[in-house]
Amino acid sequence: MIPYSSLKFILTKLFKNLPNEIIDKIQLLIAGNNPDAPYSNKIKNLAKKYNNVHILGYVEDLNPLFSSCDLQIVGSQFSTGIRTRIIESFVRGLPVISTYSAARGIHGLEHKKNIYLADKPDHIKNIIESIFMDRNQLEIISKNSRLLYEKEYSRKIQTERLKNYIFKYII
């Protein structure tokens, strides 16, 4: 449900607000395997009007996909579960634009420092337009998101936190 709401938001709200000259420069890559599910079919129908939306299907190794992208957009309008798409992007230093709802619960996020945060399509549109005017922003966000991952979410940090928790509350 979350990926559907995110893709629906991007294709029906965000893309409608972006000028054609920017839309033409964007390649939206969609990975995931659910070829004939009702939500998948709805996304395929929404995507038909854009030549730059590519539905890849199941991707065995996401690393090449992450490294080929400039930006991850997480447009979910509600949040459940863990924020793997955001954290996995941070691991790889891939800048993220996210709704506040989709980023809820991730400690250490700072808008325009290590992530872009916005809820309204016109605010996300403004972020994307500013990126096209100054692509150096992506490098800064990339570096800072990776630093946040190392400081708060890396396996080393999480292992140490779990060990401390076990010793404090269980042993």
Protein backbone atom coordinates (compact mmCIF):
# COMPACT_ATOMS: atom_id res chain seq x y z
CA MET A 1 0.00 0.00 0.00
CA ILE A 2 2.76 2.48 0.85
CA PRO A 3 4.57 2.26 -2.51
CA TYR A 4 1.23 2.68 -4.30
CA SER A 5 0.35 5.83 -2.36
CA SER A 6 3.83 7.22 -2.95
CA LEU A 7 3.74 6.52 -6.70
CA LYS A 8 0.18 7.79 -6.99
CA PHE A 9 1.24 11.02 -5.25
CA ILE A 10 4.23 11.44 -7.58
CA LEU A 11 2.30 10.68 -10.78
CA THR A 12 -0.96 12.50 -10.01
CA LYS A 13 0.11 15.43 -7.86
CA LEU A 14 3.83 16.13 -8.21
CA PHE A 15 4.27 15.57 -11.95
CA LYS A 16 1.21 17.72 -12.69
CA ASN A 17 2.88 20.65 -10.89
CA LEU A 18 6.27 20.40 -12.56
CA PRO A 19 6.93 22.38 -15.74
CA ASN A 20 7.32 20.27 -18.90
CA GLU A 21 10.96 21.33 -19.32
CA ILE A 22 11.76 19.73 -15.95
CA ILE A 23 9.52 16.69 -16.46
CA ASP A 24 11.37 16.02 -19.71
CA LYS A 25 14.70 15.88 -17.82
CA ILE A 26 13.47 13.38 -15.21
CA GLN A 27 13.61 9.61 -15.50
CA LEU A 28 11.38 7.97 -12.90
CA LEU A 29 12.46 4.37 -12.29
CA ILE A 30 10.01 2.09 -10.49
CA ALA A 31 11.28 -1.23 -9.16
CA GLY A 32 9.12 -3.91 -7.61
CA ASN A 33 7.39 -7.13 -8.42
CA ASN A 34 3.65 -7.31 -8.42
CA PRO A 35 2.91 -7.55 -12.13
CA ASP A 36 -0.84 -8.07 -12.18
CA ALA A 37 -2.12 -6.73 -8.86
CA PRO A 38 -4.86 -4.08 -8.87
CA TYR A 39 -2.56 -1.36 -7.48
CA SER A 40 0.20 -2.24 -9.95
CA ASN A 41 -2.26 -1.96 -12.81
CA LYS A 42 -3.42 1.46 -11.56
CA ILE A 43 0.20 2.69 -11.46
CA LYS A 44 0.83 1.33 -14.96
CA ASN A 45 -2.19 3.24 -16.22
CA LEU A 46 -1.09 6.45 -14.50
CA ALA A 47 2.44 6.04 -15.88
CA LYS A 48 1.28 5.61 -19.50
CA LYS A 49 1.04 9.36 -20.03
CA TYR A 50 4.75 9.83 -19.28
CA ASN A 51 7.50 8.55 -21.59
CA ASN A 52 10.05 9.05 -18.82
CA VAL A 53 8.45 6.65 -16.31
CA HIS A 54 10.02 3.21 -16.49
CA ILE A 55 8.51 0.27 -14.63
CA LEU A 56 11.39 -2.17 -14.15
CA GLY A 57 9.61 -4.98 -12.34
CA TYR A 58 11.55 -7.16 -9.94
CA VAL A 59 15.20 -6.15 -9.59
CA GLU A 60 17.48 -8.80 -8.07
CA ASP A 61 20.30 -6.42 -7.06
CA LEU A 62 19.24 -2.87 -6.22
CA ASN A 63 22.80 -1.55 -5.82
CA PRO A 64 23.29 -0.66 -9.51
CA LEU A 65 19.87 1.00 -9.52
CA PHE A 66 20.70 3.09 -6.45
CA SER A 67 24.05 4.11 -7.93
CA SER A 68 22.47 5.13 -11.24
CA CYS A 69 19.99 7.49 -9.60
CA ASP A 70 20.42 11.10 -8.51
CA LEU A 71 17.53 11.21 -6.08
CA GLN A 72 14.99 9.04 -4.25
CA ILE A 73 11.46 10.40 -3.90
CA VAL A 74 9.39 8.99 -1.05
CA GLY A 75 5.96 10.53 -1.46
CA SER A 76 3.91 8.40 0.92
CA GLN A 77 1.01 10.23 2.47
CA PHE A 78 0.92 8.04 5.57
CA SER A 79 3.49 5.96 7.35
CA THR A 80 3.65 2.45 8.72
CA GLY A 81 6.55 0.14 9.49
CA ILE A 82 10.19 1.03 9.22
CA ARG A 83 11.63 3.59 6.82
CA THR A 84 13.80 1.26 4.75
CA ARG A 85 13.66 3.25 1.51
CA ILE A 86 15.04 6.33 3.25
CA ILE A 87 17.67 4.53 5.32
CA GLU A 88 18.79 2.40 2.36
CA SER A 89 19.26 5.58 0.36
CA PHE A 90 21.31 7.10 3.18
CA VAL A 91 23.54 4.00 3.28
CA ARG A 92 24.37 4.64 -0.36
CA GLY A 93 24.56 8.43 -0.05
CA LEU A 94 21.54 8.86 -2.33
CA PRO A 95 19.73 12.13 -1.59
CA VAL A 96 16.06 11.84 -0.62
CA ILE A 97 13.00 14.02 -0.98
CA SER A 98 10.36 12.74 1.42
CA THR A 99 7.05 13.74 2.83
CA TYR A 100 7.14 14.44 6.56
CA SER A 101 4.80 11.52 7.13
CA ALA A 102 7.02 9.04 5.28
CA ALA A 103 10.07 10.21 7.27
CA ARG A 104 8.34 10.19 10.66
CA GLY A 105 10.38 8.42 13.33
CA ILE A 106 13.80 8.82 11.73
CA HIS A 107 15.95 10.61 14.28
CA GLY A 108 18.35 13.31 13.10
CA LEU A 109 16.66 14.47 9.91
CA GLU A 110 17.24 18.10 8.98
CA HIS A 111 15.52 19.64 5.98
CA LYS A 112 18.01 20.84 3.36
CA LYS A 113 20.92 19.42 5.38
CA ASN A 114 20.58 15.63 5.05
CA ILE A 115 17.15 15.26 3.43
CA TYR A 116 14.53 17.35 1.68
CA LEU A 117 11.20 17.35 3.52
CA ALA A 118 7.90 18.65 2.17
CA ASP A 119 4.30 17.51 2.02
CA LYS A 120 2.67 19.68 -0.58
CA PRO A 121 3.28 19.06 -4.28
CA ASP A 122 4.17 22.72 -4.87
CA HIS A 123 6.80 22.58 -2.09
CA ILE A 124 8.35 19.45 -3.60
CA LYS A 125 8.18 21.12 -7.02
CA ASN A 126 10.15 24.07 -5.61
CA ILE A 127 12.79 21.70 -4.22
CA ILE A 128 13.16 19.92 -7.56
CA GLU A 129 13.38 23.21 -9.43
CA SER A 130 16.08 24.44 -7.03
CA ILE A 131 18.03 21.20 -7.58
CA PHE A 132 17.95 21.78 -11.33
CA MET A 133 19.30 25.31 -10.76
CA ASP A 134 22.05 24.13 -8.39
CA ARG A 135 22.95 20.43 -8.57
CA ASN A 136 25.68 20.94 -5.93
CA GLN A 137 22.90 20.69 -3.35
CA LEU A 138 22.64 16.97 -4.09
CA GLU A 139 26.28 16.43 -3.21
CA ILE A 140 25.84 18.17 0.15
CA ILE A 141 22.65 16.24 0.97
CA SER A 142 24.35 13.00 -0.13
CA LYS A 143 27.36 13.55 2.11
CA ASN A 144 25.27 14.58 5.11
CA SER A 145 22.76 11.74 4.75
CA ARG A 146 25.63 9.25 4.68
CA LEU A 147 27.11 10.88 7.81
CA LEU A 148 23.74 10.61 9.56
CA TYR A 149 23.60 6.93 8.66
CA GLU A 150 27.09 6.34 10.07
CA LYS A 151 26.29 8.26 13.26
CA GLU A 152 22.82 6.86 13.99
CA TYR A 153 21.88 3.85 11.88
CA SER A 154 24.95 1.83 10.89
CA ARG A 155 25.26 -1.79 11.95
CA LYS A 156 28.15 -0.86 14.23
CA ILE A 157 26.07 1.76 16.06
CA GLN A 158 22.95 -0.41 16.23
CA THR A 159 24.94 -3.42 17.49
CA GLU A 160 26.40 -1.30 20.28
CA ARG A 161 22.97 0.09 21.21
CA LEU A 162 21.46 -3.40 21.29
CA LYS A 163 24.33 -4.68 23.44
CA ASN A 164 23.88 -1.80 25.89
CA TYR A 165 20.13 -2.39 26.01
CA ILE A 166 20.58 -6.11 26.69
CA PHE A 167 23.07 -5.45 29.47
CA LYS A 168 20.92 -2.73 31.01
CA TYR A 169 17.51 -4.37 30.88
CA ILE A 170 17.96 -8.10 30.44
CA ILE A 171 21.19 -9.23 32.06
